[in-house]
Amino acid sequence: IPKKLEQGYIFFFIMFALYSLIICTNSTIMYIICIHKNLHEPMYIFIAALLLNSVLYSTTIYPKLLIDFLSDKQVTTYSACLFQFFMFYTLGGSEFFVLAAMAYDRYVAICKPLQYHIIMRKTTVSIFLIIAWLVPACHIAVQAIGSANIKLCDFNIKGIFCNNAVYTLLCERSRLITIFGVVALLDLAVLPMLFIVFTYTKIFIVSYQRCKEIQKKAAETCLPHLLVLISASVFFVYDVSIARVETNFPKTVRIVMTLQVVLYHPIFNPFIYGLKMKKISKHLKRFFSRPQSILALKVNA
């Protein structure tokens, strides 16, 4: 076996194991939320939506990556590249919208507890989720469709998947794409982030003025969301920065940094929510201890 192909097999098995871990961890917590009625609350529904995003996000990148590791040449069509670009940024924008919905949910729960069940009804949650997936899709579709008919001057993409490096292939970026790129940046990332920061600041100010029990509740439920927000923000800053300094990064450094984003973020969410959210953590412990109890019964029988 040629050395290059042998390395490809090693990378394939490593990435396949990581992809399997991402799918299993995210899917397990989604399953836990689905089957337990006491988790059918807005906060947990939003968590399930975030985890679903992680699964879809990984599925947008990993299968093609796995094929590339086993291929002599890493090739794709421009239409497939644009579709990956569309899914990648739609799901990225959706994550910020879901995190904004979660921040609002925590604000109502802590600052307006008596009105919580009136405001956060099933209809409200459904509307938030539809907006979270539909608005980013419409924004990114304009950019993807706008890029589809522009002449290409380069056919080698700088990266391991099709993110904003797609723009480096174009002979000339149209004014429409540039303007809509700025609009999408503001609508899908900057404004939701400002809303989230403002909302959590308000929550902490209100909880600080109340009893310790409210402070504890605020810390327990808001901390996991803030950690996920920080993780998503790091990903966002990296992706925007890499578009501006793409040519100054050595290829190896760029690939390593991109892999950190691809590996770290989808695994981070389920571990944070599985360990930090008490209700989910309790159900997970029961879920994983059940096979042992069944095995013990069989042995005793």
Protein backbone atom coordinates (compact mmCIF):
# COMPACT_ATOMS: atom_id res chain seq x y z
CA ILE A 1 0.00 0.00 0.00
CA PRO A 2 1.43 3.45 -0.91
CA LYS A 3 2.38 5.57 2.11
CA LYS A 4 -0.05 8.35 1.16
CA LEU A 5 -2.95 5.87 0.92
CA GLU A 6 -1.92 4.26 4.22
CA GLN A 7 -2.07 7.66 5.93
CA GLY A 8 -5.47 8.20 4.29
CA TYR A 9 -6.77 4.99 5.91
CA ILE A 10 -5.48 6.10 9.33
CA PHE A 11 -7.14 9.53 9.00
CA PHE A 12 -10.30 7.86 7.71
CA PHE A 13 -10.67 5.64 10.78
CA ILE A 14 -9.86 8.51 13.18
CA MET A 15 -12.40 10.83 11.55
CA PHE A 16 -14.99 8.06 11.24
CA ALA A 17 -14.65 7.34 14.97
CA LEU A 18 -15.06 11.06 15.77
CA TYR A 19 -18.05 11.37 13.43
CA SER A 20 -19.65 8.33 15.09
CA LEU A 21 -19.01 9.89 18.52
CA ILE A 22 -20.66 13.16 17.42
CA ILE A 23 -23.72 11.34 16.04
CA CYS A 24 -24.07 9.07 19.09
CA THR A 25 -23.63 11.74 21.78
CA ASN A 26 -25.98 14.25 20.15
CA SER A 27 -28.57 11.63 19.20
CA THR A 28 -28.60 10.09 22.69
CA ILE A 29 -29.50 13.38 24.37
CA MET A 30 -32.10 14.14 21.66
CA TYR A 31 -33.62 10.69 22.32
CA ILE A 32 -33.65 11.34 26.08
CA ILE A 33 -35.46 14.66 25.55
CA CYS A 34 -37.99 13.03 23.19
CA ILE A 35 -38.99 10.08 25.40
CA HIS A 36 -39.27 11.89 28.77
CA LYS A 37 -42.33 14.12 29.16
CA ASN A 38 -40.75 16.18 31.97
CA LEU A 39 -38.20 17.36 29.38
CA HIS A 40 -40.90 18.57 26.97
CA GLU A 41 -40.29 22.16 28.04
CA PRO A 42 -39.16 25.07 25.83
CA MET A 43 -35.59 25.08 27.16
CA TYR A 44 -35.06 21.37 26.43
CA ILE A 45 -36.77 21.61 23.03
CA PHE A 46 -34.30 24.37 22.11
CA ILE A 47 -31.44 22.18 23.35
CA ALA A 48 -32.69 19.34 21.11
CA ALA A 49 -32.78 21.80 18.19
CA LEU A 50 -29.16 22.79 18.87
CA LEU A 51 -28.09 19.15 18.99
CA LEU A 52 -29.96 18.42 15.76
CA ASN A 53 -28.02 21.31 14.21
CA SER A 54 -24.76 19.68 15.37
CA VAL A 55 -25.73 16.38 13.70
CA LEU A 56 -26.70 18.10 10.42
CA TYR A 57 -23.61 20.35 10.56
CA SER A 58 -21.33 17.31 10.95
CA THR A 59 -23.16 15.39 8.23
CA THR A 60 -22.60 18.34 5.88
CA ILE A 61 -18.82 18.01 6.32
CA TYR A 62 -17.73 14.54 7.46
CA PRO A 63 -19.03 12.16 4.72
CA LYS A 64 -17.25 14.12 1.96
CA LEU A 65 -14.16 14.39 4.17
CA LEU A 66 -14.13 10.61 4.71
CA ILE A 67 -14.41 9.99 0.94
CA ASP A 68 -11.51 12.40 0.34
CA PHE A 69 -9.23 10.48 2.73
CA LEU A 70 -9.71 7.34 0.63
CA SER A 71 -9.30 9.08 -2.73
CA ASP A 72 -6.13 9.81 -4.68
CA LYS A 73 -7.57 13.18 -5.72
CA GLN A 74 -9.89 15.34 -3.63
CA VAL A 75 -12.43 16.67 -6.14
CA THR A 76 -16.00 17.95 -6.07
CA THR A 77 -18.41 19.78 -8.36
CA TYR A 78 -19.00 23.51 -7.95
CA SER A 79 -22.73 22.92 -7.34
CA ALA A 80 -21.95 20.40 -4.56
CA CYS A 81 -19.50 22.90 -3.08
CA LEU A 82 -22.15 25.65 -3.07
CA PHE A 83 -24.65 23.27 -1.43
CA GLN A 84 -22.13 22.52 1.32
CA PHE A 85 -21.54 26.28 1.68
CA PHE A 86 -25.32 26.82 1.96
CA MET A 87 -25.83 24.13 4.61
CA PHE A 88 -22.74 25.14 6.60
CA TYR A 89 -23.75 28.80 7.02
CA THR A 90 -27.49 28.14 7.31
CA LEU A 91 -26.86 25.84 10.28
CA GLY A 92 -24.28 28.26 11.72
CA GLY A 93 -26.76 31.16 11.56
CA SER A 94 -29.52 28.93 12.92
CA GLU A 95 -27.41 28.18 15.99
CA PHE A 96 -27.22 31.86 16.93
CA PHE A 97 -30.99 32.22 16.49
CA VAL A 98 -31.69 29.17 18.69
CA LEU A 99 -29.28 30.52 21.34
CA ALA A 100 -31.15 33.85 21.19
CA ALA A 101 -34.46 32.00 21.68
CA MET A 102 -32.94 30.16 24.66
CA ALA A 103 -31.77 33.47 26.15
CA TYR A 104 -35.30 34.89 25.83
CA ASP A 105 -36.74 31.71 27.39
CA ARG A 106 -34.40 32.08 30.40
CA TYR A 107 -35.26 35.79 30.66
CA VAL A 108 -39.00 35.04 30.87
CA ALA A 109 -38.45 32.11 33.29
CA ILE A 110 -36.31 34.14 35.73
CA CYS A 111 -37.57 37.73 35.31
CA LYS A 112 -41.27 37.03 34.59
CA PRO A 113 -41.95 33.60 36.16
CA LEU A 114 -45.73 34.15 36.62
CA GLN A 115 -46.15 34.88 32.90
CA TYR A 116 -43.85 32.09 31.69
CA HIS A 117 -46.53 29.56 30.66
CA ILE A 118 -48.57 32.29 28.97
CA ILE A 119 -45.63 33.63 26.93
CA MET A 120 -43.65 30.44 26.20
CA ARG A 121 -46.44 28.34 24.71
CA LYS A 122 -45.93 25.56 22.15
CA THR A 123 -46.93 27.98 19.39
CA THR A 124 -44.27 30.49 20.50
CA VAL A 125 -41.58 27.78 20.56
CA SER A 126 -42.62 26.54 17.10
CA ILE A 127 -42.47 30.09 15.67
CA PHE A 128 -38.99 30.62 17.18
CA LEU A 129 -37.73 27.36 15.64
CA ILE A 130 -39.23 28.10 12.21
CA ILE A 131 -37.59 31.56 12.24
CA ALA A 132 -34.29 30.03 13.43
CA TRP A 133 -34.10 27.72 10.40
CA LEU A 134 -35.94 29.74 7.74
CA VAL A 135 -34.30 33.19 8.10
CA PRO A 136 -30.67 31.92 7.80
CA ALA A 137 -31.67 29.66 4.87
CA CYS A 138 -33.16 32.63 2.96
CA HIS A 139 -30.11 34.83 3.63
CA ILE A 140 -27.56 32.22 2.57
CA ALA A 141 -29.63 31.08 -0.44
CA VAL A 142 -29.26 34.55 -1.98
CA GLN A 143 -25.45 34.32 -1.70
CA ALA A 144 -25.29 30.74 -2.97
CA ILE A 145 -27.57 31.43 -5.96
CA GLY A 146 -25.73 34.70 -6.66
CA SER A 147 -22.40 32.84 -6.76
CA ALA A 148 -23.69 30.01 -8.97
CA ASN A 149 -23.47 31.85 -12.31
CA ILE A 150 -20.29 33.86 -11.72
CA LYS A 151 -17.21 32.89 -13.76
CA LEU A 152 -14.51 30.94 -11.88
CA CYS A 153 -10.82 31.87 -12.14
CA ASP A 154 -9.52 29.26 -9.70
CA PHE A 155 -10.46 25.61 -9.24
CA ASN A 156 -8.46 24.81 -6.09
CA ILE A 157 -10.25 25.62 -2.86
CA LYS A 158 -8.09 26.57 0.11
CA GLY A 159 -9.46 24.37 2.86
CA ILE A 160 -10.89 20.95 3.63
CA PHE A 161 -14.50 21.90 2.88
CA CYS A 162 -16.49 24.67 1.16
CA ASN A 163 -16.89 27.58 3.56
CA ASN A 164 -16.31 31.25 2.66
CA ALA A 165 -13.16 30.12 0.79
CA VAL A 166 -15.62 29.61 -2.10
CA TYR A 167 -15.30 33.34 -2.79
CA THR A 168 -11.58 32.93 -3.58
CA LEU A 169 -12.59 30.87 -6.65
CA LEU A 170 -14.57 33.71 -8.24
CA CYS A 171 -13.00 35.98 -10.84
CA GLU A 172 -14.93 38.91 -9.42
CA ARG A 173 -17.30 39.10 -6.45
CA SER A 174 -20.49 40.93 -7.42
CA ARG A 175 -21.75 43.93 -5.45
CA LEU A 176 -24.94 41.99 -4.60
CA ILE A 177 -22.95 39.20 -2.92
CA THR A 178 -20.78 41.69 -1.01
CA ILE A 179 -23.75 43.73 0.25
CA PHE A 180 -25.80 40.66 1.13
CA GLY A 181 -22.76 39.14 2.85
CA VAL A 182 -22.62 42.13 5.20
CA VAL A 183 -26.40 41.98 5.74
CA ALA A 184 -26.20 38.25 6.51
CA LEU A 185 -23.30 38.84 8.91
CA LEU A 186 -25.32 41.44 10.83
CA ASP A 187 -28.66 39.59 10.78
CA LEU A 188 -27.41 36.05 11.46
CA ALA A 189 -24.57 36.64 13.92
CA VAL A 190 -23.97 40.18 15.21
CA LEU A 191 -27.58 41.12 16.11
CA PRO A 192 -28.43 37.75 17.76
CA MET A 193 -25.15 37.94 19.75
CA LEU A 194 -25.95 41.49 20.95
CA PHE A 195 -29.48 40.39 21.91
CA ILE A 196 -28.09 37.38 23.84
CA VAL A 197 -25.50 39.49 25.71
CA PHE A 198 -28.14 42.14 26.56
CA THR A 199 -30.63 39.46 27.73
CA TYR A 200 -28.17 37.62 29.98
CA THR A 201 -26.93 40.92 31.42
CA LYS A 202 -30.56 41.74 32.30
CA ILE A 203 -31.02 38.25 33.82
CA PHE A 204 -27.93 38.56 36.03
CA ILE A 205 -28.91 42.08 37.18
CA VAL A 206 -32.43 40.92 38.13
CA SER A 207 -31.22 37.70 39.80
CA TYR A 208 -28.56 39.61 41.76
CA GLN A 209 -31.32 41.78 43.25
CA ARG A 210 -33.32 38.76 44.40
CA CYS A 211 -32.77 35.82 46.75
CA LYS A 212 -29.93 33.28 46.54
CA GLU A 213 -32.28 30.60 45.18
CA ILE A 214 -33.01 32.73 42.10
CA GLN A 215 -29.29 33.45 41.71
CA LYS A 216 -28.54 29.72 41.87
CA LYS A 217 -31.27 28.93 39.31
CA ALA A 218 -29.92 31.62 36.97
CA ALA A 219 -26.35 30.31 37.27
CA GLU A 220 -27.35 26.64 36.76
CA THR A 221 -29.54 27.18 33.70
CA CYS A 222 -27.68 30.07 32.02
CA LEU A 223 -24.07 28.87 32.40
CA PRO A 224 -24.33 25.99 29.85
CA HIS A 225 -25.96 28.33 27.31
CA LEU A 226 -23.21 30.92 27.83
CA LEU A 227 -20.49 28.29 27.34
CA VAL A 228 -22.11 27.17 24.08
CA LEU A 229 -22.45 30.82 23.02
CA ILE A 230 -18.72 31.40 23.65
CA SER A 231 -17.90 28.27 21.64
CA ALA A 232 -20.13 29.41 18.73
CA SER A 233 -18.68 32.95 18.91
CA VAL A 234 -15.10 31.63 18.68
CA PHE A 235 -16.13 29.63 15.60
CA PHE A 236 -17.76 32.75 14.11
CA VAL A 237 -14.75 35.03 14.76
CA TYR A 238 -12.36 32.42 13.32
CA ASP A 239 -14.45 31.93 10.18
CA VAL A 240 -14.80 35.67 9.49
CA SER A 241 -11.09 36.26 10.22
CA ILE A 242 -9.88 33.45 7.97
CA ALA A 243 -11.79 35.03 5.06
CA ARG A 244 -9.79 38.23 5.51
CA VAL A 245 -6.30 36.72 6.04
CA GLU A 246 -6.65 33.55 3.97
CA THR A 247 -3.53 34.11 1.88
CA ASN A 248 -1.32 34.75 4.92
CA PHE A 249 -1.99 31.38 6.55
CA PRO A 250 0.22 28.36 5.73
CA LYS A 251 -1.87 25.48 4.41
CA THR A 252 -1.02 23.14 7.32
CA VAL A 253 -1.94 25.75 9.95
CA ARG A 254 -5.18 26.55 8.12
CA ILE A 255 -6.18 22.87 7.96
CA VAL A 256 -5.35 22.28 11.66
CA MET A 257 -7.37 25.35 12.71
CA THR A 258 -10.32 24.31 10.54
CA LEU A 259 -10.23 20.78 11.98
CA GLN A 260 -10.43 22.28 15.48
CA VAL A 261 -13.69 23.96 14.48
CA VAL A 262 -15.03 20.82 12.79
CA LEU A 263 -14.13 18.51 15.71
CA TYR A 264 -14.52 20.65 18.78
CA HIS A 265 -17.86 22.42 18.39
CA PRO A 266 -20.19 19.46 17.52
CA ILE A 267 -18.78 17.39 20.44
CA PHE A 268 -18.82 20.32 22.87
CA ASN A 269 -22.62 20.86 22.90
CA PRO A 270 -23.77 17.39 24.05
CA PHE A 271 -21.09 17.15 26.75
CA ILE A 272 -21.98 20.58 28.14
CA TYR A 273 -25.73 19.90 28.22
CA GLY A 274 -25.29 16.29 29.33
CA LEU A 275 -23.08 17.22 32.29
CA LYS A 276 -24.36 20.68 33.29
CA MET A 277 -28.16 20.31 32.96
CA LYS A 278 -29.34 18.37 36.03
CA LYS A 279 -32.52 16.86 34.55
CA ILE A 280 -30.73 15.61 31.43
CA SER A 281 -27.80 14.34 33.51
CA LYS A 282 -30.14 12.30 35.76
CA HIS A 283 -31.91 10.70 32.79
CA LEU A 284 -28.56 9.91 31.15
CA LYS A 285 -27.34 8.14 34.31
CA ARG A 286 -30.52 6.05 34.38
CA PHE A 287 -30.26 5.36 30.65
CA PHE A 288 -26.70 4.03 30.89
CA SER A 289 -27.27 2.12 34.15
CA ARG A 290 -30.31 0.27 32.75
CA PRO A 291 -28.33 -2.28 30.65
CA GLN A 292 -26.25 -3.14 33.73
CA SER A 293 -29.37 -3.73 35.83
CA ILE A 294 -30.89 -5.93 33.08
CA LEU A 295 -27.63 -7.91 32.90
CA ALA A 296 -27.64 -8.35 36.69
CA LEU A 297 -31.21 -9.70 36.58
CA LYS A 298 -30.29 -12.21 33.88
CA VAL A 299 -27.28 -13.43 35.87
CA ASN A 300 -29.39 -13.83 39.01
CA ALA A 301 -32.03 -15.70 37.01
